[in-house]
């Protein structure tokens, strides 16, 4: 399946009590390149489209957020007093 040039797939699986569930899963590397997310799943197509819209429409904010996360991690390890055993 495709929405805004982003590929995703429909997945059908069985629950513990033998119910059949349909969901959608996306692991598009270009869509998720500025996040810590490698894939995500949702319950219906509308939710998938909304999530794809969020990642595409908020790319600058997601890039800035990822940059700040990396800097925060670097700062934490630079100031860490415990250096290991």
PDB file of N, CA and C in Angstrom:
ATOM      1  N   UNK A   1       0.843  -1.167   0.000  1.00  0.00           N
ATOM      2  CA  UNK A   1       0.000   0.000   0.000  1.00  0.00           C
ATOM      3  C   UNK A   1       0.892   1.234   0.000  1.00  0.00           C
ATOM      4  N   UNK A   2       0.341   2.339  -0.463  1.00  0.00           N
ATOM      5  CA  UNK A   2       1.128   3.546  -0.602  1.00  0.00           C
ATOM      6  C   UNK A   2       0.266   4.760  -0.267  1.00  0.00           C
ATOM      7  N   UNK A   3       0.852   5.684   0.499  1.00  0.00           N
ATOM      8  CA  UNK A   3       0.193   6.951   0.814  1.00  0.00           C
ATOM      9  C   UNK A   3       1.275   8.021   0.832  1.00  0.00           C
ATOM     10  N   UNK A   4       1.114   9.055   0.033  1.00  0.00           N
ATOM     11  CA  UNK A   4       2.087  10.141  -0.087  1.00  0.00           C
ATOM     12  C   UNK A   4       3.503   9.600  -0.372  1.00  0.00           C
ATOM     13  N   UNK A   5       3.561   8.624  -1.238  1.00  0.00           N
ATOM     14  CA  UNK A   5       4.822   7.980  -1.646  1.00  0.00           C
ATOM     15  C   UNK A   5       5.523   7.240  -0.507  1.00  0.00           C
ATOM     16  N   UNK A   6       4.798   6.882   0.514  1.00  0.00           N
ATOM     17  CA  UNK A   6       5.321   6.105   1.634  1.00  0.00           C
ATOM     18  C   UNK A   6       4.661   4.733   1.607  1.00  0.00           C
ATOM     19  N   UNK A   7       5.490   3.710   1.620  1.00  0.00           N
ATOM     20  CA  UNK A   7       4.986   2.342   1.596  1.00  0.00           C
ATOM     21  C   UNK A   7       4.632   1.865   3.003  1.00  0.00           C
ATOM     22  N   UNK A   8       3.529   1.158   3.103  1.00  0.00           N
ATOM     23  CA  UNK A   8       3.146   0.473   4.333  1.00  0.00           C
ATOM     24  C   UNK A   8       2.375  -0.772   3.954  1.00  0.00           C
ATOM     25  N   UNK A   9       2.204  -1.666   4.896  1.00  0.00           N
ATOM     26  CA  UNK A   9       1.536  -2.922   4.580  1.00  0.00           C
ATOM     27  C   UNK A   9       0.439  -3.246   5.581  1.00  0.00           C
ATOM     28  N   UNK A  10      -0.503  -4.015   5.106  1.00  0.00           N
ATOM     29  CA  UNK A  10      -1.565  -4.542   5.955  1.00  0.00           C
ATOM     30  C   UNK A  10      -1.067  -5.850   6.555  1.00  0.00           C
ATOM     31  N   UNK A  11      -1.350  -6.042   7.839  1.00  0.00           N
ATOM     32  CA  UNK A  11      -0.910  -7.252   8.527  1.00  0.00           C
ATOM     33  C   UNK A  11      -2.126  -7.879   9.202  1.00  0.00           C
ATOM     34  N   UNK A  12      -2.281  -9.173   9.036  1.00  0.00           N
ATOM     35  CA  UNK A  12      -3.331  -9.920   9.713  1.00  0.00           C
ATOM     36  C   UNK A  12      -2.665 -10.895  10.665  1.00  0.00           C
ATOM     37  N   UNK A  13      -3.143 -10.946  11.912  1.00  0.00           N
ATOM     38  CA  UNK A  13      -2.540 -11.829  12.896  1.00  0.00           C
ATOM     39  C   UNK A  13      -3.608 -12.383  13.832  1.00  0.00           C
ATOM     40  N   UNK A  14      -3.256 -13.422  14.531  1.00  0.00           N
ATOM     41  CA  UNK A  14      -4.154 -14.092  15.470  1.00  0.00           C
ATOM     42  C   UNK A  14      -3.813 -13.669  16.897  1.00  0.00           C
ATOM     43  N   UNK A  15      -4.833 -13.369  17.679  1.00  0.00           N
ATOM     44  CA  UNK A  15      -4.624 -13.038  19.075  1.00  0.00           C
ATOM     45  C   UNK A  15      -4.545 -14.314  19.900  1.00  0.00           C
ATOM     46  N   UNK A  16      -4.253 -14.164  21.185  1.00  0.00           N
ATOM     47  CA  UNK A  16      -4.146 -15.321  22.080  1.00  0.00           C
ATOM     48  C   UNK A  16      -5.450 -16.104  22.157  1.00  0.00           C
ATOM     49  N   UNK A  17      -6.598 -15.404  21.962  1.00  0.00           N
ATOM     50  CA  UNK A  17      -7.885 -16.100  22.041  1.00  0.00           C
ATOM     51  C   UNK A  17      -8.456 -16.402  20.648  1.00  0.00           C
ATOM     52  N   UNK A  18      -7.549 -16.463  19.674  1.00  0.00           N
ATOM     53  CA  UNK A  18      -7.861 -16.891  18.310  1.00  0.00           C
ATOM     54  C   UNK A  18      -8.707 -15.905  17.499  1.00  0.00           C
ATOM     55  N   UNK A  19      -8.715 -14.644  17.886  1.00  0.00           N
ATOM     56  CA  UNK A  19      -9.361 -13.616  17.063  1.00  0.00           C
ATOM     57  C   UNK A  19      -8.415 -13.215  15.945  1.00  0.00           C
ATOM     58  N   UNK A  20      -8.964 -12.915  14.790  1.00  0.00           N
ATOM     59  CA  UNK A  20      -8.169 -12.418  13.677  1.00  0.00           C
ATOM     60  C   UNK A  20      -8.211 -10.892  13.709  1.00  0.00           C
ATOM     61  N   UNK A  21      -7.037 -10.276  13.705  1.00  0.00           N
ATOM     62  CA  UNK A  21      -6.919  -8.823  13.792  1.00  0.00           C
ATOM     63  C   UNK A  21      -6.190  -8.309  12.554  1.00  0.00           C
ATOM     64  N   UNK A  22      -6.707  -7.236  11.996  1.00  0.00           N
ATOM     65  CA  UNK A  22      -6.038  -6.558  10.888  1.00  0.00           C
ATOM     66  C   UNK A  22      -5.429  -5.266  11.418  1.00  0.00           C
ATOM     67  N   UNK A  23      -4.222  -4.986  11.016  1.00  0.00           N
ATOM     68  CA  UNK A  23      -3.567  -3.740  11.385  1.00  0.00           C
ATOM     69  C   UNK A  23      -2.675  -3.318  10.225  1.00  0.00           C
ATOM     70  N   UNK A  24      -1.990  -2.194  10.403  1.00  0.00           N
ATOM     71  CA  UNK A  24      -1.106  -1.666   9.372  1.00  0.00           C
ATOM     72  C   UNK A  24       0.250  -1.381   9.983  1.00  0.00           C
ATOM     73  N   UNK A  25       1.295  -1.623   9.212  1.00  0.00           N
ATOM     74  CA  UNK A  25       2.662  -1.466   9.704  1.00  0.00           C
ATOM     75  C   UNK A  25       3.490  -0.724   8.663  1.00  0.00           C
ATOM     76  N   UNK A  26       4.339   0.195   9.139  1.00  0.00           N
ATOM     77  CA  UNK A  26       5.213   0.966   8.250  1.00  0.00           C
ATOM     78  C   UNK A  26       6.634   0.934   8.803  1.00  0.00           C
ATOM     79  N   UNK A  27       7.594   0.670   7.914  1.00  0.00           N
ATOM     80  CA  UNK A  27       9.002   0.721   8.306  1.00  0.00           C
ATOM     81  C   UNK A  27       9.826   1.458   7.244  1.00  0.00           C
ATOM     82  N   UNK A  28       9.209   2.447   6.623  1.00  0.00           N
ATOM     83  CA  UNK A  28       9.851   3.222   5.568  1.00  0.00           C
ATOM     84  C   UNK A  28      11.057   3.983   6.123  1.00  0.00           C
ATOM     85  N   UNK A  29      12.244   3.650   5.642  1.00  0.00           N
ATOM     86  CA  UNK A  29      13.479   4.237   6.173  1.00  0.00           C
ATOM     87  C   UNK A  29      13.566   5.743   5.940  1.00  0.00           C
ATOM     88  N   UNK A  30      13.109   6.218   4.787  1.00  0.00           N
ATOM     89  CA  UNK A  30      13.165   7.653   4.494  1.00  0.00           C
ATOM     90  C   UNK A  30      12.218   8.412   5.416  1.00  0.00           C
ATOM     91  N   UNK A  31      11.023   7.895   5.621  1.00  0.00           N
ATOM     92  CA  UNK A  31      10.049   8.551   6.496  1.00  0.00           C
ATOM     93  C   UNK A  31      10.567   8.664   7.925  1.00  0.00           C
ATOM     94  N   UNK A  32      11.248   7.631   8.397  1.00  0.00           N
ATOM     95  CA  UNK A  32      11.643   7.553   9.803  1.00  0.00           C
ATOM     96  C   UNK A  32      13.102   7.917  10.055  1.00  0.00           C
ATOM     97  N   UNK A  33      13.791   8.455   9.055  1.00  0.00           N
ATOM     98  CA  UNK A  33      15.225   8.693   9.185  1.00  0.00           C
ATOM     99  C   UNK A  33      15.588   9.693  10.269  1.00  0.00           C
ATOM    100  N   UNK A  34      14.718  10.596  10.639  1.00  0.00           N
ATOM    101  CA  UNK A  34      15.034  11.612  11.651  1.00  0.00           C
ATOM    102  C   UNK A  34      14.440  11.285  13.012  1.00  0.00           C
ATOM    103  N   UNK A  35      14.201  10.005  13.247  1.00  0.00           N
ATOM    104  CA  UNK A  35      13.587   9.584  14.504  1.00  0.00           C
ATOM    105  C   UNK A  35      14.348   8.387  15.068  1.00  0.00           C
ATOM    106  N   UNK A  36      13.994   8.001  16.284  1.00  0.00           N
ATOM    107  CA  UNK A  36      14.526   6.782  16.878  1.00  0.00           C
ATOM    108  C   UNK A  36      13.629   5.593  16.552  1.00  0.00           C
ATOM    109  N   UNK A  37      12.618   5.817  15.743  1.00  0.00           N
ATOM    110  CA  UNK A  37      11.646   4.788  15.391  1.00  0.00           C
ATOM    111  C   UNK A  37      12.093   4.051  14.135  1.00  0.00           C
ATOM    112  N   UNK A  38      12.020   2.730  14.165  1.00  0.00           N
ATOM    113  CA  UNK A  38      12.352   1.942  12.970  1.00  0.00           C
ATOM    114  C   UNK A  38      11.105   1.418  12.281  1.00  0.00           C
ATOM    115  N   UNK A  39      10.012   1.301  13.031  1.00  0.00           N
ATOM    116  CA  UNK A  39       8.733   0.917  12.447  1.00  0.00           C
ATOM    117  C   UNK A  39       7.621   1.251  13.432  1.00  0.00           C
ATOM    118  N   UNK A  40       6.405   1.310  12.929  1.00  0.00           N
ATOM    119  CA  UNK A  40       5.256   1.523  13.796  1.00  0.00           C
ATOM    120  C   UNK A  40       4.044   0.819  13.210  1.00  0.00           C
ATOM    121  N   UNK A  41       3.115   0.498  14.095  1.00  0.00           N
ATOM    122  CA  UNK A  41       1.883  -0.179  13.701  1.00  0.00           C
ATOM    123  C   UNK A  41       0.694   0.597  14.242  1.00  0.00           C
ATOM    124  N   UNK A  42      -0.392   0.559  13.500  1.00  0.00           N
ATOM    125  CA  UNK A  42      -1.642   1.197  13.919  1.00  0.00           C
ATOM    126  C   UNK A  42      -2.808   0.276  13.580  1.00  0.00           C
ATOM    127  N   UNK A  43      -3.981   0.622  14.100  1.00  0.00           N
ATOM    128  CA  UNK A  43      -5.143  -0.250  13.956  1.00  0.00           C
ATOM    129  C   UNK A  43      -5.902  -0.103  12.641  1.00  0.00           C
ATOM    130  N   UNK A  44      -5.881   1.093  12.048  1.00  0.00           N
ATOM    131  CA  UNK A  44      -6.656   1.254  10.812  1.00  0.00           C
ATOM    132  C   UNK A  44      -5.941   2.191   9.839  1.00  0.00           C
ATOM    133  N   UNK A  45      -6.464   2.226   8.647  1.00  0.00           N
ATOM    134  CA  UNK A  45      -5.833   2.988   7.561  1.00  0.00           C
ATOM    135  C   UNK A  45      -5.813   4.482   7.865  1.00  0.00           C
ATOM    136  N   UNK A  46      -6.878   5.009   8.451  1.00  0.00           N
ATOM    137  CA  UNK A  46      -6.919   6.432   8.776  1.00  0.00           C
ATOM    138  C   UNK A  46      -5.809   6.800   9.765  1.00  0.00           C
ATOM    139  N   UNK A  47      -5.606   5.953  10.774  1.00  0.00           N
ATOM    140  CA  UNK A  47      -4.515   6.200  11.720  1.00  0.00           C
ATOM    141  C   UNK A  47      -3.165   6.156  11.019  1.00  0.00           C
ATOM    142  N   UNK A  48      -2.999   5.244  10.083  1.00  0.00           N
ATOM    143  CA  UNK A  48      -1.738   5.164   9.337  1.00  0.00           C
ATOM    144  C   UNK A  48      -1.520   6.443   8.546  1.00  0.00           C
ATOM    145  N   UNK A  49      -2.535   6.913   7.868  1.00  0.00           N
ATOM    146  CA  UNK A  49      -2.403   8.140   7.083  1.00  0.00           C
ATOM    147  C   UNK A  49      -2.096   9.326   7.992  1.00  0.00           C
ATOM    148  N   UNK A  50      -2.737   9.384   9.145  1.00  0.00           N
ATOM    149  CA  UNK A  50      -2.457  10.472  10.094  1.00  0.00           C
ATOM    150  C   UNK A  50      -1.022  10.425  10.594  1.00  0.00           C
ATOM    151  N   UNK A  51      -0.519   9.247  10.883  1.00  0.00           N
ATOM    152  CA  UNK A  51       0.856   9.112  11.381  1.00  0.00           C
ATOM    153  C   UNK A  51       1.854   9.480  10.280  1.00  0.00           C
ATOM    154  N   UNK A  52       1.616   9.031   9.057  1.00  0.00           N
ATOM    155  CA  UNK A  52       2.488   9.391   7.936  1.00  0.00           C
ATOM    156  C   UNK A  52       2.455  10.893   7.729  1.00  0.00           C
ATOM    157  N   UNK A  53       1.260  11.494   7.761  1.00  0.00           N
ATOM    158  CA  UNK A  53       1.144  12.949   7.634  1.00  0.00           C
ATOM    159  C   UNK A  53       1.983  13.645   8.701  1.00  0.00           C
ATOM    160  N   UNK A  54       1.908  13.156   9.948  1.00  0.00           N
ATOM    161  CA  UNK A  54       2.671  13.769  11.039  1.00  0.00           C
ATOM    162  C   UNK A  54       4.170  13.746  10.734  1.00  0.00           C
ATOM    163  N   UNK A  55       4.697  12.592  10.355  1.00  0.00           N
ATOM    164  CA  UNK A  55       6.132  12.488  10.083  1.00  0.00           C
ATOM    165  C   UNK A  55       6.551  13.360   8.902  1.00  0.00           C
ATOM    166  N   UNK A  56       5.744  13.410   7.854  1.00  0.00           N
ATOM    167  CA  UNK A  56       6.103  14.202   6.677  1.00  0.00           C
ATOM    168  C   UNK A  56       5.927  15.698   6.931  1.00  0.00           C
ATOM    169  N   UNK A  57       4.833  16.084   7.566  1.00  0.00           N
ATOM    170  CA  UNK A  57       4.529  17.506   7.752  1.00  0.00           C
ATOM    171  C   UNK A  57       5.334  18.158   8.866  1.00  0.00           C
ATOM    172  N   UNK A  58       5.954  17.360   9.714  1.00  0.00           N
ATOM    173  CA  UNK A  58       6.723  17.897  10.844  1.00  0.00           C
ATOM    174  C   UNK A  58       8.208  17.546  10.758  1.00  0.00           C
ATOM    175  N   UNK A  59       8.689  17.301   9.559  1.00  0.00           N
ATOM    176  CA  UNK A  59      10.079  16.876   9.385  1.00  0.00           C
ATOM    177  C   UNK A  59      11.086  17.854   9.999  1.00  0.00           C
ATOM    178  N   UNK A  60      10.966  19.184   9.777  1.00  0.00           N
ATOM    179  CA  UNK A  60      11.945  20.097  10.384  1.00  0.00           C
ATOM    180  C   UNK A  60      11.957  20.013  11.914  1.00  0.00           C
ATOM    181  N   UNK A  61      10.776  19.918  12.526  1.00  0.00           N
ATOM    182  CA  UNK A  61      10.692  19.805  13.979  1.00  0.00           C
ATOM    183  C   UNK A  61      11.294  18.485  14.452  1.00  0.00           C
ATOM    184  N   UNK A  62      11.033  17.399  13.739  1.00  0.00           N
ATOM    185  CA  UNK A  62      11.581  16.101  14.113  1.00  0.00           C
ATOM    186  C   UNK A  62      13.106  16.081  13.983  1.00  0.00           C
ATOM    187  N   UNK A  63      13.624  16.751  12.945  1.00  0.00           N
ATOM    188  CA  UNK A  63      15.079  16.828  12.772  1.00  0.00           C
ATOM    189  C   UNK A  63      15.709  17.607  13.920  1.00  0.00           C
ATOM    190  N   UNK A  64      15.102  18.716  14.308  1.00  0.00           N
ATOM    191  CA  UNK A  64      15.621  19.531  15.402  1.00  0.00           C
ATOM    192  C   UNK A  64      15.550  18.761  16.717  1.00  0.00           C
ATOM    193  N   UNK A  65      14.444  18.065  16.934  1.00  0.00           N
ATOM    194  CA  UNK A  65      14.280  17.277  18.146  1.00  0.00           C
ATOM    195  C   UNK A  65      15.343  16.185  18.237  1.00  0.00           C
ATOM    196  N   UNK A  66      15.600  15.512  17.132  1.00  0.00           N
ATOM    197  CA  UNK A  66      16.622  14.451  17.105  1.00  0.00           C
ATOM    198  C   UNK A  66      18.000  15.040  17.384  1.00  0.00           C
ATOM    199  N   UNK A  67      18.287  16.194  16.801  1.00  0.00           N
ATOM    200  CA  UNK A  67      19.576  16.870  17.028  1.00  0.00           C
ATOM    201  C   UNK A  67      19.748  17.211  18.513  1.00  0.00           C
ATOM    202  N   UNK A  68      18.692  17.709  19.150  1.00  0.00           N
ATOM    203  CA  UNK A  68      18.754  18.043  20.575  1.00  0.00           C
ATOM    204  C   UNK A  68      18.930  16.792  21.436  1.00  0.00           C
ATOM    205  N   UNK A  69      18.297  15.697  21.050  1.00  0.00           N
ATOM    206  CA  UNK A  69      18.456  14.442  21.788  1.00  0.00           C
ATOM    207  C   UNK A  69      19.907  13.970  21.745  1.00  0.00           C
ATOM    208  N   UNK A  70      20.523  14.060  20.586  1.00  0.00           N
ATOM    209  CA  UNK A  70      21.915  13.635  20.436  1.00  0.00           C
ATOM    210  C   UNK A  70      22.830  14.531  21.276  1.00  0.00           C
ATOM    211  N   UNK A  71      22.610  15.839  21.208  1.00  0.00           N
ATOM    212  CA  UNK A  71      23.424  16.765  21.996  1.00  0.00           C
ATOM    213  C   UNK A  71      23.252  16.528  23.496  1.00  0.00           C
ATOM    214  N   UNK A  72      22.029  16.257  23.937  1.00  0.00           N
ATOM    215  CA  UNK A  72      21.782  15.992  25.353  1.00  0.00           C
ATOM    216  C   UNK A  72      22.516  14.731  25.789  1.00  0.00           C
ATOM    217  N   UNK A  73      22.503  13.708  24.975  1.00  0.00           N
ATOM    218  CA  UNK A  73      23.230  12.480  25.285  1.00  0.00           C
ATOM    219  C   UNK A  73      24.726  12.722  25.364  1.00  0.00           C
ATOM    220  N   UNK A  74      25.258  13.488  24.422  1.00  0.00           N
ATOM    221  CA  UNK A  74      26.682  13.808  24.430  1.00  0.00           C
ATOM    222  C   UNK A  74      27.057  14.585  25.692  1.00  0.00           C
ATOM    223  N   UNK A  75      26.234  15.564  26.045  1.00  0.00           N
ATOM    224  CA  UNK A  75      26.503  16.366  27.243  1.00  0.00           C
ATOM    225  C   UNK A  75      26.467  15.499  28.496  1.00  0.00           C
ATOM    226  N   UNK A  76      25.491  14.619  28.581  1.00  0.00           N
ATOM    227  CA  UNK A  76      25.375  13.735  29.728  1.00  0.00           C
ATOM    228  C   UNK A  76      26.640  12.902  29.904  1.00  0.00           C
ATOM    229  N   UNK A  77      27.114  12.295  28.832  1.00  0.00           N
ATOM    230  CA  UNK A  77      28.294  11.440  28.948  1.00  0.00           C
ATOM    231  C   UNK A  77      29.579  12.239  29.165  1.00  0.00           C
ATOM    232  N   UNK A  78      29.638  13.464  28.668  1.00  0.00           N
ATOM    233  CA  UNK A  78      30.805  14.316  28.919  1.00  0.00           C
ATOM    234  C   UNK A  78      30.899  14.707  30.391  1.00  0.00           C
ATOM    235  N   UNK A  79      29.765  14.897  31.048  1.00  0.00           N
ATOM    236  CA  UNK A  79      29.757  15.361  32.433  1.00  0.00           C
ATOM    237  C   UNK A  79      29.589  14.225  33.436  1.00  0.00           C
ATOM    238  N   UNK A  80      29.497  13.026  32.965  1.00  0.00           N
ATOM    239  CA  UNK A  80      29.305  11.865  33.846  1.00  0.00           C
ATOM    240  C   UNK A  80      30.545  11.652  34.687  1.00  0.00           C
ATOM    241  N   UNK A  81      30.368  11.631  35.988  1.00  0.00           N
ATOM    242  CA  UNK A  81      31.496  11.447  36.891  1.00  0.00           C
ATOM    243  C   UNK A  81      31.939   9.982  36.945  1.00  0.00           C
ATOM    244  N   UNK A  82      31.001   9.071  36.858  1.00  0.00           N
ATOM    245  CA  UNK A  82      31.318   7.640  36.905  1.00  0.00           C
ATOM    246  C   UNK A  82      31.842   7.200  35.548  1.00  0.00           C
ATOM    247  N   UNK A  83      33.021   6.687  35.498  1.00  0.00           N
ATOM    248  CA  UNK A  83      33.660   6.303  34.239  1.00  0.00           C
ATOM    249  C   UNK A  83      33.724   4.777  34.063  1.00  0.00           C
ATOM    250  N   UNK A  84      33.047   4.066  34.905  1.00  0.00           N
ATOM    251  CA  UNK A  84      33.046   2.607  34.783  1.00  0.00           C
ATOM    252  C   UNK A  84      34.012   1.961  35.756  1.00  0.00           C
ATOM    253  N   UNK A  85      34.017   0.660  35.803  1.00  0.00           N
ATOM    254  CA  UNK A  85      34.894  -0.084  36.722  1.00  0.00           C
ATOM    255  C   UNK A  85      36.310  -0.169  36.222  1.00  0.00           C
TER     256      UNK A  85
END
